[in-house]
Amino acid sequence: MSSLLLLGLLPQVTVFGHPLRKVNVLSDLYPNTDTSELSAVDSTLLLPPPPKPVFVDTCRTGMVCIEDYSDTTLRGMHPFYQALDELAHYPRMVRVAYYGDSFVEGDILTSDLREMLQKRYGGRGIGYTPITSISSGFRVTVRQSSRGFSRHSIMDTIAFDRSLQDVSNHYFKADSTASIRFSGQTRNYAYLDTFARASFFFIPDSSVTITAAVNGKNVLDKEFEGDQLQMAEVEGKIGNVTFTVLESDSSALFYGVAMDDKSGVALDNFSMRGASGLNVRSIPAKMMRRFYQLRPYDLVILHYGLNVATQRGTNYDNYIRGMQTTIQHIKEYYPGAGILVVSVADRDYKTNEGEIETMPGIRNLVRYQQNLAAQESVAFWNLFEAMGGNASMKNLVEAKPAKANYDYTHINANGGKYLAKLLFDALVYGKDQYDRRRAYETSR
């Protein structure tokens, strides 16, 4: 026994770098000094919180991401992404208004973007479209015909009353009997053959009687009164719908039809050939306010520049000041909408040496548009860089099959699908980053 006690006095022995446990036959008689056991039974001792990773908002390699310059007013991408969050939990419409020039005329690019969004988040139909427009004849996403309506557009050189226009910069007047027919289509795009709701927008002035037929069956015959924007609405599994104006005051105004689902994404194409974006600020405040009440948007996209850029343009100060008023107009009368400025696309020209290159004025305008988004605290997406930067339009023209026209300015249907995928990926990636940021902030 004495020899065992003497072992406890020996120094600790190390074998091959590992210390051996000291011998102590009286250890059970000593008080417990293991601090790990004390901490386990001491309920008043708070454990440190687990370490949290620092959130880093990055852009995936090879992608041009949306840059959100929003401030505490959250007028960048937040409203759109929040709406998608809500859509994941209960049925609702998430609406996008896409304002642009001839680059997206005829639903080019927007048709593919709409299809991609509806495939991912749900929804059907082409959204809002005027009774007729200059692009109706070659727009492949809807079949429409009208009779008895006279069209008035902001691009008319004479006799256009800006105080009467709607959010698409149009208004229409009707003869004693006028009708408009829209039908879905099964070619080219998905989710357009049928839709669940059709809404006809108009101002009765004094009174107007409207009937509606869905799939050839009469479902509505109603008189409307009042001097503000209203809509006649029908529902069902709609393959085609016809609205007829039977009786109307000569001062009644008619605008367009929206074709949607009851839940999911709706994307309205508000393209205007020759537009610069300043046309949006001319929409009457009363019209914008009322239209937003009937059809609120979660995101407004402003995609302009082709009609502004010049070959050697270096100073776009005056244009940007005008676009500031456009954005402020949208902020005031679409109070819940986020705003995304999409830069001008590449536009090429032939140099004196015969080379096809980007117009220098394009690159300057892109920088101005990015500064515009930053100054107005909204979001920005650099389409010029996303499509490849310098002379990228030339590459689209020379692609097999071609993705752009030989004017080196406008894309075709193939190019629309290609660029829509770039924007769609940027939107979805931005939503993923938004979700990660929300999760990190919630866990802090």
Protein backbone atom coordinates (compact mmCIF):
# COMPACT_ATOMS: atom_id res chain seq x y z
CA MET A 1 0.00 0.00 0.00
CA SER A 2 2.84 2.38 0.86
CA SER A 3 4.37 1.74 -2.55
CA LEU A 4 1.11 2.84 -4.24
CA LEU A 5 1.09 6.04 -2.22
CA LEU A 6 4.70 6.72 -3.26
CA LEU A 7 3.67 6.38 -6.97
CA GLY A 8 1.46 9.43 -6.55
CA LEU A 9 4.56 11.49 -5.77
CA LEU A 10 6.33 10.62 -9.02
CA PRO A 11 6.44 13.30 -11.77
CA GLN A 12 4.11 12.85 -14.71
CA VAL A 13 5.60 10.49 -17.32
CA THR A 14 5.33 11.11 -21.07
CA VAL A 15 5.49 8.23 -23.59
CA PHE A 16 5.87 9.05 -27.28
CA GLY A 17 4.61 12.57 -26.67
CA HIS A 18 1.46 11.51 -24.74
CA PRO A 19 1.32 12.26 -20.99
CA LEU A 20 0.28 9.32 -18.81
CA ARG A 21 -2.32 9.84 -16.12
CA LYS A 22 -0.84 10.29 -12.63
CA VAL A 23 -1.62 7.60 -10.07
CA ASN A 24 -3.64 8.82 -7.08
CA VAL A 25 -5.34 6.08 -5.05
CA LEU A 26 -6.95 8.70 -2.74
CA SER A 27 -8.57 10.72 -5.55
CA ASP A 28 -12.10 9.75 -4.47
CA LEU A 29 -11.45 11.47 -1.11
CA TYR A 30 -10.56 14.84 -2.69
CA PRO A 31 -13.17 17.43 -3.60
CA ASN A 32 -14.25 17.49 -7.27
CA THR A 33 -12.49 20.32 -9.12
CA ASP A 34 -13.64 19.42 -12.68
CA THR A 35 -15.00 22.73 -13.96
CA SER A 36 -16.87 21.04 -16.83
CA GLU A 37 -19.06 19.18 -14.33
CA LEU A 38 -19.64 22.38 -12.35
CA SER A 39 -20.79 24.24 -15.44
CA ALA A 40 -23.14 21.43 -16.31
CA VAL A 41 -25.01 21.62 -13.00
CA ASP A 42 -24.82 25.38 -12.45
CA SER A 43 -28.11 26.60 -14.01
CA THR A 44 -27.18 30.26 -13.41
CA LEU A 45 -24.12 30.07 -15.66
CA LEU A 46 -25.00 31.34 -19.15
CA LEU A 47 -23.30 29.61 -22.06
CA PRO A 48 -21.93 31.81 -24.84
CA PRO A 49 -24.10 31.93 -28.00
CA PRO A 50 -22.95 29.77 -30.91
CA PRO A 51 -20.84 31.62 -33.45
CA LYS A 52 -22.72 33.02 -36.47
CA PRO A 53 -21.33 33.30 -39.96
CA VAL A 54 -20.96 36.81 -41.32
CA PHE A 55 -23.45 37.29 -44.18
CA VAL A 56 -21.76 38.25 -47.43
CA ASP A 57 -23.94 39.52 -50.27
CA THR A 58 -22.00 38.39 -53.33
CA CYS A 59 -22.61 37.91 -57.04
CA ARG A 60 -22.11 34.54 -58.62
CA THR A 61 -19.17 34.28 -61.00
CA GLY A 62 -20.20 34.98 -64.58
CA MET A 63 -23.46 36.69 -63.63
CA VAL A 64 -24.33 40.38 -63.74
CA CYS A 65 -26.43 40.87 -60.63
CA ILE A 66 -29.06 43.45 -59.79
CA GLU A 67 -27.59 46.30 -57.77
CA ASP A 68 -30.03 47.58 -55.19
CA TYR A 69 -29.42 51.17 -54.10
CA SER A 70 -32.59 51.43 -52.01
CA ASP A 71 -32.60 53.31 -48.74
CA THR A 72 -34.97 53.03 -45.78
CA THR A 73 -37.93 53.68 -48.10
CA LEU A 74 -37.29 50.25 -49.67
CA ARG A 75 -38.15 51.24 -53.24
CA GLY A 76 -35.69 48.82 -54.81
CA MET A 77 -36.34 45.08 -55.07
CA HIS A 78 -37.78 44.58 -51.58
CA PRO A 79 -41.50 44.94 -52.49
CA PHE A 80 -41.19 42.38 -55.29
CA TYR A 81 -39.29 39.85 -53.23
CA GLN A 82 -41.61 40.33 -50.27
CA ALA A 83 -44.59 39.74 -52.57
CA LEU A 84 -43.02 36.46 -53.72
CA ASP A 85 -42.61 35.47 -50.07
CA GLU A 86 -46.30 36.14 -49.47
CA LEU A 87 -47.24 34.22 -52.60
CA ALA A 88 -45.45 31.18 -51.18
CA HIS A 89 -47.82 31.23 -48.18
CA TYR A 90 -51.20 32.21 -49.65
CA PRO A 91 -52.79 32.92 -53.05
CA ARG A 92 -52.17 36.42 -54.37
CA MET A 93 -51.16 38.20 -57.54
CA VAL A 94 -47.59 39.46 -57.92
CA ARG A 95 -47.68 42.11 -60.65
CA VAL A 96 -44.84 43.51 -62.73
CA ALA A 97 -45.16 46.52 -65.05
CA TYR A 98 -42.45 46.48 -67.73
CA TYR A 99 -42.11 49.91 -69.39
CA GLY A 100 -39.87 50.06 -72.42
CA ASP A 101 -39.27 51.18 -75.98
CA SER A 102 -39.12 49.26 -79.27
CA PHE A 103 -36.52 46.89 -77.78
CA VAL A 104 -39.38 45.00 -76.06
CA GLU A 105 -42.11 45.90 -78.55
CA GLY A 106 -44.45 43.08 -79.52
CA ASP A 107 -43.72 41.31 -76.20
CA ILE A 108 -40.19 40.37 -77.27
CA LEU A 109 -38.11 39.47 -74.19
CA THR A 110 -41.04 40.14 -71.84
CA SER A 111 -42.96 37.14 -73.20
CA ASP A 112 -40.11 34.80 -72.23
CA LEU A 113 -39.54 36.52 -68.91
CA ARG A 114 -43.25 36.18 -68.14
CA GLU A 115 -43.20 32.49 -69.02
CA MET A 116 -40.16 31.82 -66.83
CA LEU A 117 -41.66 33.67 -63.86
CA GLN A 118 -45.00 31.90 -64.24
CA LYS A 119 -43.32 28.52 -64.52
CA ARG A 120 -41.47 29.13 -61.25
CA TYR A 121 -44.07 31.05 -59.24
CA GLY A 122 -47.40 30.28 -60.94
CA GLY A 123 -49.79 32.40 -62.95
CA ARG A 124 -51.35 32.46 -66.43
CA GLY A 125 -52.25 34.97 -69.11
CA ILE A 126 -50.49 37.91 -70.77
CA GLY A 127 -51.56 40.60 -68.31
CA TYR A 128 -52.71 44.02 -69.51
CA THR A 129 -52.82 45.00 -73.15
CA PRO A 130 -54.42 48.01 -74.86
CA ILE A 131 -57.50 47.46 -77.02
CA THR A 132 -55.14 47.64 -79.97
CA SER A 133 -51.68 49.04 -80.66
CA ILE A 134 -49.12 49.40 -83.40
CA SER A 135 -47.66 46.02 -82.43
CA SER A 136 -50.92 44.07 -82.25
CA GLY A 137 -50.43 42.64 -85.73
CA PHE A 138 -47.15 40.88 -84.90
CA ARG A 139 -47.50 40.19 -81.20
CA VAL A 140 -47.56 36.38 -80.95
CA THR A 141 -48.56 36.04 -77.30
CA VAL A 142 -52.22 36.94 -77.84
CA ARG A 143 -54.79 36.95 -80.59
CA GLN A 144 -56.93 40.06 -80.54
CA SER A 145 -59.38 41.83 -82.80
CA SER A 146 -61.54 44.90 -82.35
CA ARG A 147 -64.13 46.91 -84.22
CA GLY A 148 -65.74 50.27 -83.59
CA PHE A 149 -62.87 51.73 -81.54
CA SER A 150 -60.68 54.67 -82.57
CA ARG A 151 -57.15 54.55 -81.20
CA HIS A 152 -55.25 57.53 -79.76
CA SER A 153 -51.58 57.20 -78.75
CA ILE A 154 -49.04 59.55 -77.20
CA MET A 155 -46.96 59.03 -80.33
CA ASP A 156 -49.69 60.62 -82.48
CA THR A 157 -48.43 63.86 -84.01
CA ILE A 158 -51.76 65.68 -83.57
CA ALA A 159 -55.02 65.56 -81.64
CA PHE A 160 -53.78 63.55 -78.66
CA ASP A 161 -55.16 64.71 -75.30
CA ARG A 162 -52.61 63.68 -72.67
CA SER A 163 -55.10 64.23 -69.87
CA LEU A 164 -57.15 61.25 -71.13
CA GLN A 165 -54.41 58.61 -71.49
CA ASP A 166 -54.05 55.48 -69.40
CA VAL A 167 -50.89 53.84 -68.04
CA SER A 168 -50.01 52.50 -71.50
CA ASN A 169 -50.14 56.03 -73.04
CA HIS A 170 -53.33 55.21 -75.00
CA TYR A 171 -57.02 55.95 -74.96
CA PHE A 172 -59.85 54.78 -77.21
CA LYS A 173 -63.28 56.05 -78.12
CA ALA A 174 -66.17 53.86 -79.23
CA ASP A 175 -68.82 54.04 -81.90
CA SER A 176 -72.42 53.31 -81.00
CA THR A 177 -71.52 49.61 -80.91
CA ALA A 178 -67.94 48.44 -80.47
CA SER A 179 -66.34 45.18 -79.42
CA ILE A 180 -62.97 43.70 -78.55
CA ARG A 181 -62.08 39.99 -78.56
CA PHE A 182 -59.05 38.34 -76.98
CA SER A 183 -58.18 34.67 -77.08
CA GLY A 184 -55.37 32.61 -75.65
CA GLN A 185 -52.96 30.72 -77.86
CA THR A 186 -51.19 27.39 -77.61
CA ARG A 187 -48.19 28.08 -79.85
CA ASN A 188 -44.79 29.44 -78.81
CA TYR A 189 -45.45 29.99 -75.09
CA ALA A 190 -46.92 28.13 -72.14
CA TYR A 191 -49.61 29.38 -69.72
CA LEU A 192 -51.38 31.47 -72.38
CA ASP A 193 -54.07 29.13 -73.69
CA THR A 194 -56.46 29.87 -70.84
CA PHE A 195 -56.69 32.35 -67.99
CA ALA A 196 -58.96 32.71 -64.97
CA ARG A 197 -59.91 36.38 -65.03
CA ALA A 198 -60.45 39.05 -67.69
CA SER A 199 -60.86 42.73 -66.76
CA PHE A 200 -61.97 45.48 -69.18
CA PHE A 201 -60.89 49.02 -68.16
CA PHE A 202 -62.88 52.15 -69.06
CA ILE A 203 -64.34 55.44 -67.82
CA PRO A 204 -68.14 55.62 -68.38
CA ASP A 205 -68.30 59.41 -67.96
CA SER A 206 -72.07 59.29 -67.49
CA SER A 207 -73.07 55.70 -68.30
CA VAL A 208 -72.09 52.77 -70.48
CA THR A 209 -73.59 49.30 -70.99
CA ILE A 210 -71.14 46.46 -71.45
CA THR A 211 -71.71 42.80 -72.19
CA ALA A 212 -69.19 39.99 -72.02
CA ALA A 213 -69.07 36.52 -73.53
CA VAL A 214 -66.69 33.85 -72.28
CA ASN A 215 -65.98 30.94 -74.63
CA GLY A 216 -68.99 32.05 -76.68
CA LYS A 217 -71.41 32.16 -73.74
CA ASN A 218 -72.87 35.46 -72.49
CA VAL A 219 -71.97 35.98 -68.85
CA LEU A 220 -72.31 39.73 -68.29
CA ASP A 221 -74.76 42.50 -69.24
CA LYS A 222 -74.34 45.52 -67.01
CA GLU A 223 -74.68 49.29 -67.00
CA PHE A 224 -71.80 51.22 -65.42
CA GLU A 225 -71.90 54.82 -64.25
CA GLY A 226 -69.37 57.33 -62.95
CA ASP A 227 -66.52 59.52 -64.04
CA GLN A 228 -63.56 57.49 -62.81
CA LEU A 229 -61.71 54.43 -64.09
CA GLN A 230 -63.65 51.21 -63.64
CA MET A 231 -63.43 47.63 -64.84
CA ALA A 232 -65.89 45.00 -66.00
CA GLU A 233 -64.61 41.64 -64.81
CA VAL A 234 -65.44 38.05 -65.67
CA GLU A 235 -64.02 34.79 -64.35
CA GLY A 236 -63.80 31.16 -65.35
CA LYS A 237 -61.58 28.91 -67.42
CA ILE A 238 -61.36 31.47 -70.22
CA GLY A 239 -60.13 30.45 -73.65
CA ASN A 240 -61.54 33.57 -75.29
CA VAL A 241 -63.46 36.60 -74.14
CA THR A 242 -65.43 39.27 -76.00
CA PHE A 243 -66.42 42.59 -74.46
CA THR A 244 -69.06 44.62 -76.30
CA VAL A 245 -70.03 48.23 -75.72
CA LEU A 246 -73.76 48.44 -76.42
CA GLU A 247 -74.56 51.93 -75.25
CA SER A 248 -72.11 54.63 -74.26
CA ASP A 249 -71.88 58.34 -73.86
CA SER A 250 -69.82 59.97 -76.60
CA SER A 251 -67.31 61.10 -73.99
CA ALA A 252 -66.78 57.60 -72.53
CA LEU A 253 -63.18 56.37 -72.69
CA PHE A 254 -61.89 52.83 -73.12
CA TYR A 255 -58.42 51.47 -72.49
CA GLY A 256 -57.55 47.80 -72.42
CA VAL A 257 -58.08 44.30 -71.06
CA ALA A 258 -56.06 42.40 -68.46
CA MET A 259 -55.95 38.59 -68.64
CA ASP A 260 -54.64 36.90 -65.50
CA ASP A 261 -54.87 34.00 -63.14
CA LYS A 262 -56.12 34.42 -59.58
CA SER A 263 -52.67 33.78 -58.12
CA GLY A 264 -49.09 33.88 -59.35
CA VAL A 265 -47.19 36.36 -61.49
CA ALA A 266 -48.63 38.80 -64.04
CA LEU A 267 -46.29 40.79 -66.27
CA ASP A 268 -47.70 43.73 -68.24
CA ASN A 269 -45.75 44.91 -71.28
CA PHE A 270 -46.04 48.69 -71.69
CA SER A 271 -43.75 49.15 -74.68
CA MET A 272 -43.93 52.26 -76.84
CA ARG A 273 -42.00 52.62 -80.08
CA GLY A 274 -39.83 55.76 -80.05
CA ALA A 275 -40.26 56.30 -76.29
CA SER A 276 -37.51 57.60 -74.01
CA GLY A 277 -39.17 56.97 -70.65
CA LEU A 278 -40.29 60.57 -70.26
CA ASN A 279 -43.68 59.49 -71.61
CA VAL A 280 -44.40 57.78 -68.29
CA ARG A 281 -44.30 61.04 -66.34
CA SER A 282 -47.03 62.44 -68.60
CA ILE A 283 -49.59 59.87 -67.35
CA PRO A 284 -52.14 61.85 -65.30
CA ALA A 285 -51.82 61.47 -61.55
CA LYS A 286 -55.53 60.70 -61.21
CA MET A 287 -55.24 57.86 -63.73
CA MET A 288 -52.14 56.35 -62.13
CA ARG A 289 -53.63 56.52 -58.65
CA ARG A 290 -56.90 54.88 -59.69
CA PHE A 291 -55.24 52.25 -61.88
CA TYR A 292 -52.96 51.31 -59.00
CA GLN A 293 -56.02 50.85 -56.78
CA LEU A 294 -57.52 48.41 -59.28
CA ARG A 295 -54.26 46.78 -60.37
CA PRO A 296 -51.43 47.35 -57.86
CA TYR A 297 -47.87 46.60 -58.93
CA ASP A 298 -45.09 45.07 -56.86
CA LEU A 299 -42.34 45.95 -59.34
CA VAL A 300 -42.02 48.57 -62.08
CA ILE A 301 -39.22 48.01 -64.61
CA LEU A 302 -37.97 50.97 -66.64
CA HIS A 303 -36.06 49.84 -69.73
CA TYR A 304 -35.16 52.73 -72.04
CA GLY A 305 -32.27 54.31 -73.87
CA LEU A 306 -32.31 53.30 -77.54
CA ASN A 307 -34.02 56.56 -78.51
CA VAL A 308 -31.71 58.64 -76.31
CA ALA A 309 -28.21 57.37 -77.06
CA THR A 310 -26.24 59.08 -79.81
CA GLN A 311 -23.08 57.91 -81.50
CA ARG A 312 -20.79 60.32 -79.63
CA GLY A 313 -23.07 61.29 -76.75
CA THR A 314 -21.12 62.12 -73.61
CA ASN A 315 -23.53 64.24 -71.59
CA TYR A 316 -27.03 63.02 -70.72
CA ASP A 317 -27.68 65.36 -67.80
CA ASN A 318 -30.91 66.76 -69.21
CA TYR A 319 -32.28 63.30 -69.95
CA ILE A 320 -31.42 62.02 -66.50
CA ARG A 321 -33.14 64.99 -64.89
CA GLY A 322 -36.23 64.10 -66.88
CA MET A 323 -36.01 60.44 -65.81
CA GLN A 324 -35.72 61.53 -62.19
CA THR A 325 -39.16 63.09 -62.51
CA THR A 326 -40.42 59.86 -64.11
CA ILE A 327 -39.20 57.79 -61.16
CA GLN A 328 -40.58 60.29 -58.66
CA HIS A 329 -43.92 60.16 -60.48
CA ILE A 330 -43.98 56.37 -60.09
CA LYS A 331 -42.94 56.54 -56.45
CA GLU A 332 -45.76 58.93 -55.63
CA TYR A 333 -48.62 57.20 -57.41
CA TYR A 334 -47.47 53.55 -57.20
CA PRO A 335 -46.55 53.77 -53.50
CA GLY A 336 -46.04 50.04 -52.89
CA ALA A 337 -43.99 49.22 -55.97
CA GLY A 338 -40.28 48.55 -56.21
CA ILE A 339 -38.46 50.12 -59.15
CA LEU A 340 -35.78 48.52 -61.33
CA VAL A 341 -33.89 50.51 -63.94
CA VAL A 342 -32.63 48.27 -66.76
CA SER A 343 -29.81 49.81 -68.75
CA VAL A 344 -29.84 50.34 -72.47
CA ALA A 345 -28.67 47.31 -74.44
CA ASP A 346 -25.65 47.31 -76.70
CA ARG A 347 -26.12 49.16 -79.98
CA ASP A 348 -23.48 48.88 -82.66
CA TYR A 349 -22.41 50.98 -85.64
CA LYS A 350 -19.86 50.76 -88.44
CA THR A 351 -16.68 52.76 -87.92
CA ASN A 352 -14.84 54.61 -90.68
CA GLU A 353 -12.57 51.59 -90.91
CA GLY A 354 -15.58 49.33 -91.53
CA GLU A 355 -15.50 47.66 -88.11
CA ILE A 356 -18.72 46.96 -86.17
CA GLU A 357 -18.35 48.38 -82.66
CA THR A 358 -20.48 49.67 -79.81
CA MET A 359 -21.59 53.27 -80.16
CA PRO A 360 -19.50 55.20 -77.60
CA GLY A 361 -22.65 57.01 -76.48
CA ILE A 362 -24.10 53.71 -75.27
CA ARG A 363 -21.40 53.16 -72.64
CA ASN A 364 -21.80 56.73 -71.41
CA LEU A 365 -25.56 56.34 -71.11
CA VAL A 366 -25.20 53.12 -69.12
CA ARG A 367 -23.11 54.99 -66.54
CA TYR A 368 -25.68 57.76 -66.37
CA GLN A 369 -28.50 55.25 -65.87
CA GLN A 370 -26.63 53.54 -63.06
CA ASN A 371 -26.09 56.89 -61.35
CA LEU A 372 -29.79 57.64 -61.83
CA ALA A 373 -30.72 54.48 -59.93
CA ALA A 374 -28.26 55.31 -57.15
CA GLN A 375 -29.49 58.90 -56.84
CA GLU A 376 -33.13 57.82 -56.71
CA SER A 377 -32.45 54.89 -54.33
CA VAL A 378 -33.88 52.21 -56.60
CA ALA A 379 -32.43 49.09 -58.22
CA PHE A 380 -30.31 48.78 -61.36
CA TRP A 381 -29.44 45.97 -63.76
CA ASN A 382 -26.70 46.42 -66.34
CA LEU A 383 -28.10 44.73 -69.43
CA PHE A 384 -25.20 46.03 -71.52
CA GLU A 385 -22.67 44.11 -69.42
CA ALA A 386 -24.93 41.08 -68.99
CA MET A 387 -25.21 40.56 -72.75
CA GLY A 388 -21.43 40.74 -73.15
CA GLY A 389 -20.49 44.42 -73.25
CA ASN A 390 -18.67 45.88 -76.23
CA ALA A 391 -19.94 44.68 -79.65
CA SER A 392 -22.20 42.09 -78.01
CA MET A 393 -25.05 43.05 -80.34
CA LYS A 394 -22.78 42.11 -83.25
CA ASN A 395 -22.30 38.70 -81.67
CA LEU A 396 -26.07 38.25 -81.41
CA VAL A 397 -26.50 39.20 -85.07
CA GLU A 398 -23.85 36.69 -86.14
CA ALA A 399 -25.07 33.89 -83.87
CA LYS A 400 -26.47 30.70 -85.43
CA PRO A 401 -29.42 31.03 -85.35
CA ALA A 402 -29.35 34.82 -85.27
CA LYS A 403 -30.50 36.50 -82.06
CA ALA A 404 -30.67 40.08 -83.38
CA ASN A 405 -31.52 42.00 -86.52
CA TYR A 406 -29.14 43.53 -89.03
CA ASP A 407 -29.86 47.03 -87.73
CA TYR A 408 -27.50 46.02 -84.87
CA THR A 409 -30.04 47.58 -82.50
CA HIS A 410 -33.01 45.26 -82.00
CA ILE A 411 -33.19 41.64 -80.90
CA ASN A 412 -35.43 39.00 -82.45
CA ALA A 413 -37.41 36.26 -80.69
CA ASN A 414 -34.28 34.13 -80.15
CA GLY A 415 -32.47 37.09 -78.66
CA GLY A 416 -35.46 37.87 -76.49
CA LYS A 417 -35.38 34.40 -74.98
CA TYR A 418 -31.62 34.66 -74.41
CA LEU A 419 -31.74 38.05 -72.67
CA ALA A 420 -34.88 37.16 -70.71
CA LYS A 421 -33.02 34.22 -69.20
CA LEU A 422 -30.22 36.55 -68.08
CA LEU A 423 -32.70 38.87 -66.36
CA PHE A 424 -34.68 35.97 -64.91
CA ASP A 425 -31.53 34.45 -63.42
CA ALA A 426 -30.58 37.82 -61.92
CA LEU A 427 -34.06 38.20 -60.38
CA VAL A 428 -34.05 34.69 -58.92
CA TYR A 429 -30.49 35.01 -57.61
CA GLY A 430 -31.42 38.34 -56.07
CA LYS A 431 -34.38 36.66 -54.38
CA ASP A 432 -32.09 33.93 -53.00
CA GLN A 433 -29.74 36.58 -51.61
CA TYR A 434 -32.72 38.44 -50.15
CA ASP A 435 -33.83 35.26 -48.38
CA ARG A 436 -30.33 34.62 -47.03
CA ARG A 437 -30.07 38.17 -45.77
CA ARG A 438 -33.47 37.97 -44.08
CA ALA A 439 -32.53 34.68 -42.42
CA TYR A 440 -29.25 36.11 -41.17
CA GLU A 441 -30.82 39.32 -39.84
CA THR A 442 -33.57 37.33 -38.11
CA SER A 443 -31.04 35.08 -36.40
CA ARG A 444 -28.92 37.91 -35.04
